[in-house]
């Protein structure tokens, strides 16, 4: 039985196509995550001591940050206040 050379080549090209699509998707997801982070930094730069956006621009962009704000609230609610815990152990109350 002879190996099916056209079939092997076809499968090879399909595998390359799947691999390149997977890598492109990973890169796009990473880029989206970085852009969301930059967008968050832009809106909430005052928390980091950076110059802020004009108020009307920040208020117009705020609805786009709905999911990010919900995630930030969850992280704040679930995080422990380690600095307060340290001061409590040291007796600063």
C-alpha atoms as a PDB file:
ATOM      1  CA  UNK A   1       0.000   0.000   0.000  1.00  0.00           C
ATOM      2  CA  UNK A   2       1.461   3.340  -1.089  1.00  0.00           C
ATOM      3  CA  UNK A   3       1.384   6.331   1.200  1.00  0.00           C
ATOM      4  CA  UNK A   4      -1.059   9.006   0.096  1.00  0.00           C
ATOM      5  CA  UNK A   5       1.424  11.815  -0.609  1.00  0.00           C
ATOM      6  CA  UNK A   6      -1.177  14.486  -1.528  1.00  0.00           C
ATOM      7  CA  UNK A   7      -3.157  13.609   1.592  1.00  0.00           C
ATOM      8  CA  UNK A   8      -0.065  13.903   3.778  1.00  0.00           C
ATOM      9  CA  UNK A   9       0.824  17.270   2.271  1.00  0.00           C
ATOM     10  CA  UNK A  10      -2.769  18.468   2.699  1.00  0.00           C
ATOM     11  CA  UNK A  11      -2.763  17.432   6.371  1.00  0.00           C
ATOM     12  CA  UNK A  12       0.598  19.129   6.867  1.00  0.00           C
ATOM     13  CA  UNK A  13      -0.733  22.429   5.487  1.00  0.00           C
ATOM     14  CA  UNK A  14      -3.888  22.119   7.610  1.00  0.00           C
ATOM     15  CA  UNK A  15      -1.741  21.623  10.695  1.00  0.00           C
ATOM     16  CA  UNK A  16       0.322  24.689   9.845  1.00  0.00           C
ATOM     17  CA  UNK A  17      -2.886  26.672   9.347  1.00  0.00           C
ATOM     18  CA  UNK A  18      -4.293  25.603  12.726  1.00  0.00           C
ATOM     19  CA  UNK A  19      -1.020  26.361  14.470  1.00  0.00           C
ATOM     20  CA  UNK A  20      -0.680  29.809  12.922  1.00  0.00           C
ATOM     21  CA  UNK A  21      -4.318  30.665  13.789  1.00  0.00           C
ATOM     22  CA  UNK A  22      -3.774  29.556  17.376  1.00  0.00           C
ATOM     23  CA  UNK A  23      -0.636  31.666  17.704  1.00  0.00           C
ATOM     24  CA  UNK A  24      -2.333  34.671  16.094  1.00  0.00           C
ATOM     25  CA  UNK A  25      -5.265  34.313  18.491  1.00  0.00           C
ATOM     26  CA  UNK A  26      -2.917  34.172  21.489  1.00  0.00           C
ATOM     27  CA  UNK A  27      -1.109  37.296  20.326  1.00  0.00           C
ATOM     28  CA  UNK A  28      -4.380  39.149  19.762  1.00  0.00           C
ATOM     29  CA  UNK A  29      -5.665  38.168  23.198  1.00  0.00           C
ATOM     30  CA  UNK A  30      -2.428  39.393  24.782  1.00  0.00           C
ATOM     31  CA  UNK A  31      -2.634  42.655  22.833  1.00  0.00           C
ATOM     32  CA  UNK A  32      -6.252  43.136  23.921  1.00  0.00           C
ATOM     33  CA  UNK A  33      -5.280  42.570  27.549  1.00  0.00           C
ATOM     34  CA  UNK A  34      -2.469  45.126  27.273  1.00  0.00           C
ATOM     35  CA  UNK A  35      -4.750  47.671  25.619  1.00  0.00           C
ATOM     36  CA  UNK A  36      -7.379  47.200  28.328  1.00  0.00           C
ATOM     37  CA  UNK A  37      -4.678  47.747  30.942  1.00  0.00           C
ATOM     38  CA  UNK A  38      -3.521  50.931  29.211  1.00  0.00           C
ATOM     39  CA  UNK A  39      -7.125  52.110  28.961  1.00  0.00           C
ATOM     40  CA  UNK A  40      -7.624  51.456  32.674  1.00  0.00           C
ATOM     41  CA  UNK A  41      -4.429  53.321  33.501  1.00  0.00           C
ATOM     42  CA  UNK A  42      -5.619  56.216  31.395  1.00  0.00           C
ATOM     43  CA  UNK A  43      -8.956  56.448  33.181  1.00  0.00           C
ATOM     44  CA  UNK A  44      -7.695  55.788  36.687  1.00  0.00           C
ATOM     45  CA  UNK A  45      -4.309  57.473  36.484  1.00  0.00           C
ATOM     46  CA  UNK A  46      -5.121  59.737  39.420  1.00  0.00           C
ATOM     47  CA  UNK A  47      -4.850  56.704  41.736  1.00  0.00           C
ATOM     48  CA  UNK A  48      -1.228  56.301  40.669  1.00  0.00           C
ATOM     49  CA  UNK A  49      -0.425  60.009  40.938  1.00  0.00           C
ATOM     50  CA  UNK A  50      -0.338  60.625  37.197  1.00  0.00           C
ATOM     51  CA  UNK A  51      -2.091  63.484  35.421  1.00  0.00           C
ATOM     52  CA  UNK A  52      -5.742  62.701  34.811  1.00  0.00           C
ATOM     53  CA  UNK A  53      -7.994  62.987  31.825  1.00  0.00           C
ATOM     54  CA  UNK A  54     -10.389  65.898  31.599  1.00  0.00           C
ATOM     55  CA  UNK A  55     -13.499  64.997  33.573  1.00  0.00           C
ATOM     56  CA  UNK A  56     -15.923  65.061  30.652  1.00  0.00           C
ATOM     57  CA  UNK A  57     -13.748  62.648  28.667  1.00  0.00           C
ATOM     58  CA  UNK A  58     -13.407  60.270  31.631  1.00  0.00           C
ATOM     59  CA  UNK A  59     -17.161  60.326  32.230  1.00  0.00           C
ATOM     60  CA  UNK A  60     -17.879  59.540  28.584  1.00  0.00           C
ATOM     61  CA  UNK A  61     -15.475  56.581  28.675  1.00  0.00           C
ATOM     62  CA  UNK A  62     -16.710  55.262  32.017  1.00  0.00           C
ATOM     63  CA  UNK A  63     -19.508  53.029  30.589  1.00  0.00           C
ATOM     64  CA  UNK A  64     -16.878  51.169  28.561  1.00  0.00           C
ATOM     65  CA  UNK A  65     -15.145  50.285  31.835  1.00  0.00           C
ATOM     66  CA  UNK A  66     -18.137  48.536  33.405  1.00  0.00           C
ATOM     67  CA  UNK A  67     -16.548  45.052  33.416  1.00  0.00           C
ATOM     68  CA  UNK A  68     -13.175  46.392  34.546  1.00  0.00           C
ATOM     69  CA  UNK A  69     -14.775  48.248  37.454  1.00  0.00           C
ATOM     70  CA  UNK A  70     -16.665  45.123  38.519  1.00  0.00           C
ATOM     71  CA  UNK A  71     -13.420  43.139  38.466  1.00  0.00           C
ATOM     72  CA  UNK A  72     -11.643  45.845  40.431  1.00  0.00           C
ATOM     73  CA  UNK A  73     -14.391  45.796  43.065  1.00  0.00           C
ATOM     74  CA  UNK A  74     -14.092  42.012  43.364  1.00  0.00           C
ATOM     75  CA  UNK A  75     -10.308  42.228  43.801  1.00  0.00           C
ATOM     76  CA  UNK A  76     -10.703  44.924  46.437  1.00  0.00           C
ATOM     77  CA  UNK A  77     -13.383  42.974  48.302  1.00  0.00           C
ATOM     78  CA  UNK A  78     -11.388  39.729  48.266  1.00  0.00           C
ATOM     79  CA  UNK A  79      -8.008  41.240  49.070  1.00  0.00           C
ATOM     80  CA  UNK A  80      -6.667  41.387  52.556  1.00  0.00           C
ATOM     81  CA  UNK A  81      -5.440  44.613  54.036  1.00  0.00           C
ATOM     82  CA  UNK A  82      -1.940  43.388  54.829  1.00  0.00           C
ATOM     83  CA  UNK A  83      -0.718  46.808  55.937  1.00  0.00           C
ATOM     84  CA  UNK A  84      -3.516  47.096  58.527  1.00  0.00           C
ATOM     85  CA  UNK A  85      -2.772  43.554  59.662  1.00  0.00           C
ATOM     86  CA  UNK A  86       0.919  44.433  60.113  1.00  0.00           C
ATOM     87  CA  UNK A  87       0.112  47.558  62.110  1.00  0.00           C
ATOM     88  CA  UNK A  88      -2.339  45.547  64.225  1.00  0.00           C
ATOM     89  CA  UNK A  89       0.386  43.029  65.060  1.00  0.00           C
ATOM     90  CA  UNK A  90       2.793  45.811  65.966  1.00  0.00           C
ATOM     91  CA  UNK A  91       0.249  47.415  68.292  1.00  0.00           C
ATOM     92  CA  UNK A  92      -0.552  50.544  66.279  1.00  0.00           C
ATOM     93  CA  UNK A  93      -4.302  50.768  66.660  1.00  0.00           C
END
